[in-house]
Amino acid sequence: MLQRAIAVEEKSRLIVAAEVTQNAADNECLVPLTEAAEAQGGEKPERVLADAGYRSEESFRKLAEKKITAYVALGREGKRGNTILPSAENPHTQVMEERLKSEEGQTLVSKAKGHR
């Protein structure tokens, strides 16, 4: 089954990168899509917003190393009992959880879902 992933520039809503894979999970596409968007646009994205299909501790680590602020859904944010337990194995996911709880994180996620 083919999976499609696209990167869209926030203001213009133009597609700046696209990828088609046979992998059912999108989580391996986040960093390559970000790099493709950078190559196409000529500058590093300041931030990345993605749904839970792109969740990956490794991707979060790589984006942090590139100094790109990511807002990637972790699953059922805001649902009762949906908290990631602290762990040395997922420090970047812990950071993501806190980032999503921030005012900016809530605003971006709401905007992405079409709740303006």
C-alpha atoms as a PDB file:
ATOM      1  CA  MET A   1       0.000   0.000   0.000  1.00  0.00           C
ATOM      2  CA  LEU A   2       1.392   3.401  -0.952  1.00  0.00           C
ATOM      3  CA  GLN A   3       1.491   6.159   1.635  1.00  0.00           C
ATOM      4  CA  ARG A   4       1.735   9.818   0.702  1.00  0.00           C
ATOM      5  CA  ALA A   5       3.223  12.557   2.817  1.00  0.00           C
ATOM      6  CA  ILE A   6       3.377  16.242   1.957  1.00  0.00           C
ATOM      7  CA  ALA A   7       4.969  19.358   3.418  1.00  0.00           C
ATOM      8  CA  VAL A   8       2.972  22.563   3.086  1.00  0.00           C
ATOM      9  CA  GLU A   9       4.185  26.132   3.659  1.00  0.00           C
ATOM     10  CA  GLU A  10       2.000  27.650   6.372  1.00  0.00           C
ATOM     11  CA  LYS A  11       1.130  31.047   4.933  1.00  0.00           C
ATOM     12  CA  SER A  12       0.818  30.294   1.214  1.00  0.00           C
ATOM     13  CA  ARG A  13      -0.461  26.724   1.700  1.00  0.00           C
ATOM     14  CA  LEU A  14       1.765  25.657  -1.200  1.00  0.00           C
ATOM     15  CA  ILE A  15       3.081  22.096  -1.255  1.00  0.00           C
ATOM     16  CA  VAL A  16       6.861  22.390  -0.903  1.00  0.00           C
ATOM     17  CA  ALA A  17       7.762  18.691  -0.654  1.00  0.00           C
ATOM     18  CA  ALA A  18       6.094  15.342  -1.192  1.00  0.00           C
ATOM     19  CA  GLU A  19       7.036  11.727  -0.671  1.00  0.00           C
ATOM     20  CA  VAL A  20       5.417   8.422  -1.555  1.00  0.00           C
ATOM     21  CA  THR A  21       6.492   5.271   0.291  1.00  0.00           C
ATOM     22  CA  GLN A  22       5.323   1.726   0.757  1.00  0.00           C
ATOM     23  CA  ASN A  23       5.748   2.005   4.508  1.00  0.00           C
ATOM     24  CA  ALA A  24       2.427   2.105   6.359  1.00  0.00           C
ATOM     25  CA  ALA A  25       3.835   4.414   9.042  1.00  0.00           C
ATOM     26  CA  ASP A  26       4.641   8.044   8.293  1.00  0.00           C
ATOM     27  CA  ASN A  27       7.035   8.452  11.222  1.00  0.00           C
ATOM     28  CA  GLU A  28      10.129   7.813   9.077  1.00  0.00           C
ATOM     29  CA  CYS A  29       9.081  10.565   6.631  1.00  0.00           C
ATOM     30  CA  LEU A  30       9.179  13.560   8.978  1.00  0.00           C
ATOM     31  CA  VAL A  31      12.879  14.382   8.795  1.00  0.00           C
ATOM     32  CA  PRO A  32      13.281  13.653   5.047  1.00  0.00           C
ATOM     33  CA  LEU A  33      10.221  15.804   4.289  1.00  0.00           C
ATOM     34  CA  THR A  34      11.614  18.606   6.418  1.00  0.00           C
ATOM     35  CA  GLU A  35      14.950  18.354   4.601  1.00  0.00           C
ATOM     36  CA  ALA A  36      13.187  18.334   1.213  1.00  0.00           C
ATOM     37  CA  ALA A  37      11.199  21.431   2.176  1.00  0.00           C
ATOM     38  CA  GLU A  38      14.436  23.138   3.198  1.00  0.00           C
ATOM     39  CA  ALA A  39      16.112  22.205  -0.098  1.00  0.00           C
ATOM     40  CA  GLN A  40      13.133  23.446  -2.099  1.00  0.00           C
ATOM     41  CA  GLY A  41      12.649  26.684  -0.146  1.00  0.00           C
ATOM     42  CA  GLY A  42      16.304  27.468   0.385  1.00  0.00           C
ATOM     43  CA  GLU A  43      16.002  27.948   4.121  1.00  0.00           C
ATOM     44  CA  LYS A  44      15.522  25.804   7.197  1.00  0.00           C
ATOM     45  CA  PRO A  45      11.938  25.671   8.491  1.00  0.00           C
ATOM     46  CA  GLU A  46      11.506  27.361  11.859  1.00  0.00           C
ATOM     47  CA  ARG A  47       8.917  24.852  12.983  1.00  0.00           C
ATOM     48  CA  VAL A  48       7.165  21.693  11.880  1.00  0.00           C
ATOM     49  CA  LEU A  49       3.578  20.726  12.661  1.00  0.00           C
ATOM     50  CA  ALA A  50       2.496  17.117  12.077  1.00  0.00           C
ATOM     51  CA  ASP A  51      -0.115  14.588  13.120  1.00  0.00           C
ATOM     52  CA  ALA A  52       0.474  11.570  15.348  1.00  0.00           C
ATOM     53  CA  GLY A  53       1.446   9.368  12.413  1.00  0.00           C
ATOM     54  CA  TYR A  54       4.800  11.191  12.365  1.00  0.00           C
ATOM     55  CA  ARG A  55       5.541  10.527  16.048  1.00  0.00           C
ATOM     56  CA  SER A  56       9.033   9.153  16.564  1.00  0.00           C
ATOM     57  CA  GLU A  57      11.583   9.716  19.312  1.00  0.00           C
ATOM     58  CA  GLU A  58      14.338   9.469  16.701  1.00  0.00           C
ATOM     59  CA  SER A  59      12.721  12.095  14.460  1.00  0.00           C
ATOM     60  CA  PHE A  60      12.207  14.386  17.449  1.00  0.00           C
ATOM     61  CA  ARG A  61      15.894  14.009  18.324  1.00  0.00           C
ATOM     62  CA  LYS A  62      17.048  14.768  14.774  1.00  0.00           C
ATOM     63  CA  LEU A  63      14.825  17.841  14.493  1.00  0.00           C
ATOM     64  CA  ALA A  64      16.077  19.099  17.864  1.00  0.00           C
ATOM     65  CA  GLU A  65      19.666  18.691  16.643  1.00  0.00           C
ATOM     66  CA  LYS A  66      18.758  20.759  13.571  1.00  0.00           C
ATOM     67  CA  LYS A  67      17.209  23.372  15.882  1.00  0.00           C
ATOM     68  CA  ILE A  68      13.790  22.981  14.264  1.00  0.00           C
ATOM     69  CA  THR A  69      10.897  23.297  16.702  1.00  0.00           C
ATOM     70  CA  ALA A  70       8.448  20.476  16.117  1.00  0.00           C
ATOM     71  CA  TYR A  71       4.830  20.199  17.194  1.00  0.00           C
ATOM     72  CA  VAL A  72       3.868  16.589  16.528  1.00  0.00           C
ATOM     73  CA  ALA A  73       0.732  15.080  18.002  1.00  0.00           C
ATOM     74  CA  LEU A  74       1.459  12.196  20.332  1.00  0.00           C
ATOM     75  CA  GLY A  75      -1.905  10.535  20.114  1.00  0.00           C
ATOM     76  CA  ARG A  76      -4.843  11.413  22.267  1.00  0.00           C
ATOM     77  CA  GLU A  77      -3.694  14.723  23.761  1.00  0.00           C
ATOM     78  CA  GLY A  78      -6.072  16.134  26.271  1.00  0.00           C
ATOM     79  CA  LYS A  79      -7.773  12.788  26.876  1.00  0.00           C
ATOM     80  CA  ARG A  80      -7.988  11.659  30.461  1.00  0.00           C
ATOM     81  CA  GLY A  81      -5.168   9.371  31.504  1.00  0.00           C
ATOM     82  CA  ASN A  82      -3.132   9.947  28.354  1.00  0.00           C
ATOM     83  CA  THR A  83       0.191  10.918  29.841  1.00  0.00           C
ATOM     84  CA  ILE A  84       3.579   9.667  28.782  1.00  0.00           C
ATOM     85  CA  LEU A  85       5.476   8.320  31.737  1.00  0.00           C
ATOM     86  CA  PRO A  86       8.846   9.966  32.355  1.00  0.00           C
ATOM     87  CA  SER A  87      11.606   7.857  30.909  1.00  0.00           C
ATOM     88  CA  ALA A  88      15.241   8.222  29.975  1.00  0.00           C
ATOM     89  CA  GLU A  89      14.312   6.313  26.828  1.00  0.00           C
ATOM     90  CA  ASN A  90      12.090   9.057  25.410  1.00  0.00           C
ATOM     91  CA  PRO A  91      13.369  12.481  26.507  1.00  0.00           C
ATOM     92  CA  HIS A  92      12.421  14.189  23.224  1.00  0.00           C
ATOM     93  CA  THR A  93       8.901  12.799  23.439  1.00  0.00           C
ATOM     94  CA  GLN A  94       8.693  14.235  26.961  1.00  0.00           C
ATOM     95  CA  VAL A  95       9.711  17.637  25.591  1.00  0.00           C
ATOM     96  CA  MET A  96       7.098  17.266  22.850  1.00  0.00           C
ATOM     97  CA  GLU A  97       4.389  16.512  25.380  1.00  0.00           C
ATOM     98  CA  GLU A  98       5.214  19.700  27.293  1.00  0.00           C
ATOM     99  CA  ARG A  99       5.453  21.737  24.078  1.00  0.00           C
ATOM    100  CA  LEU A 100       1.994  20.560  23.012  1.00  0.00           C
ATOM    101  CA  LYS A 101       0.575  21.616  26.385  1.00  0.00           C
ATOM    102  CA  SER A 102       1.960  25.152  25.980  1.00  0.00           C
ATOM    103  CA  GLU A 103      -0.240  28.015  24.809  1.00  0.00           C
ATOM    104  CA  GLU A 104       1.606  28.158  21.476  1.00  0.00           C
ATOM    105  CA  GLY A 105       1.278  24.398  21.048  1.00  0.00           C
ATOM    106  CA  GLN A 106      -2.446  24.504  21.737  1.00  0.00           C
ATOM    107  CA  THR A 107      -2.894  27.381  19.272  1.00  0.00           C
ATOM    108  CA  LEU A 108      -0.956  25.650  16.484  1.00  0.00           C
ATOM    109  CA  VAL A 109      -2.688  22.314  16.929  1.00  0.00           C
ATOM    110  CA  SER A 110      -6.103  23.969  16.997  1.00  0.00           C
ATOM    111  CA  LYS A 111      -5.270  25.964  13.865  1.00  0.00           C
ATOM    112  CA  ALA A 112      -4.055  22.831  12.076  1.00  0.00           C
ATOM    113  CA  LYS A 113      -7.321  21.086  12.891  1.00  0.00           C
ATOM    114  CA  GLY A 114      -9.222  23.980  11.332  1.00  0.00           C
ATOM    115  CA  HIS A 115     -10.431  25.526  14.598  1.00  0.00           C
ATOM    116  CA  ARG A 116      -9.542  29.143  14.092  1.00  0.00           C
END
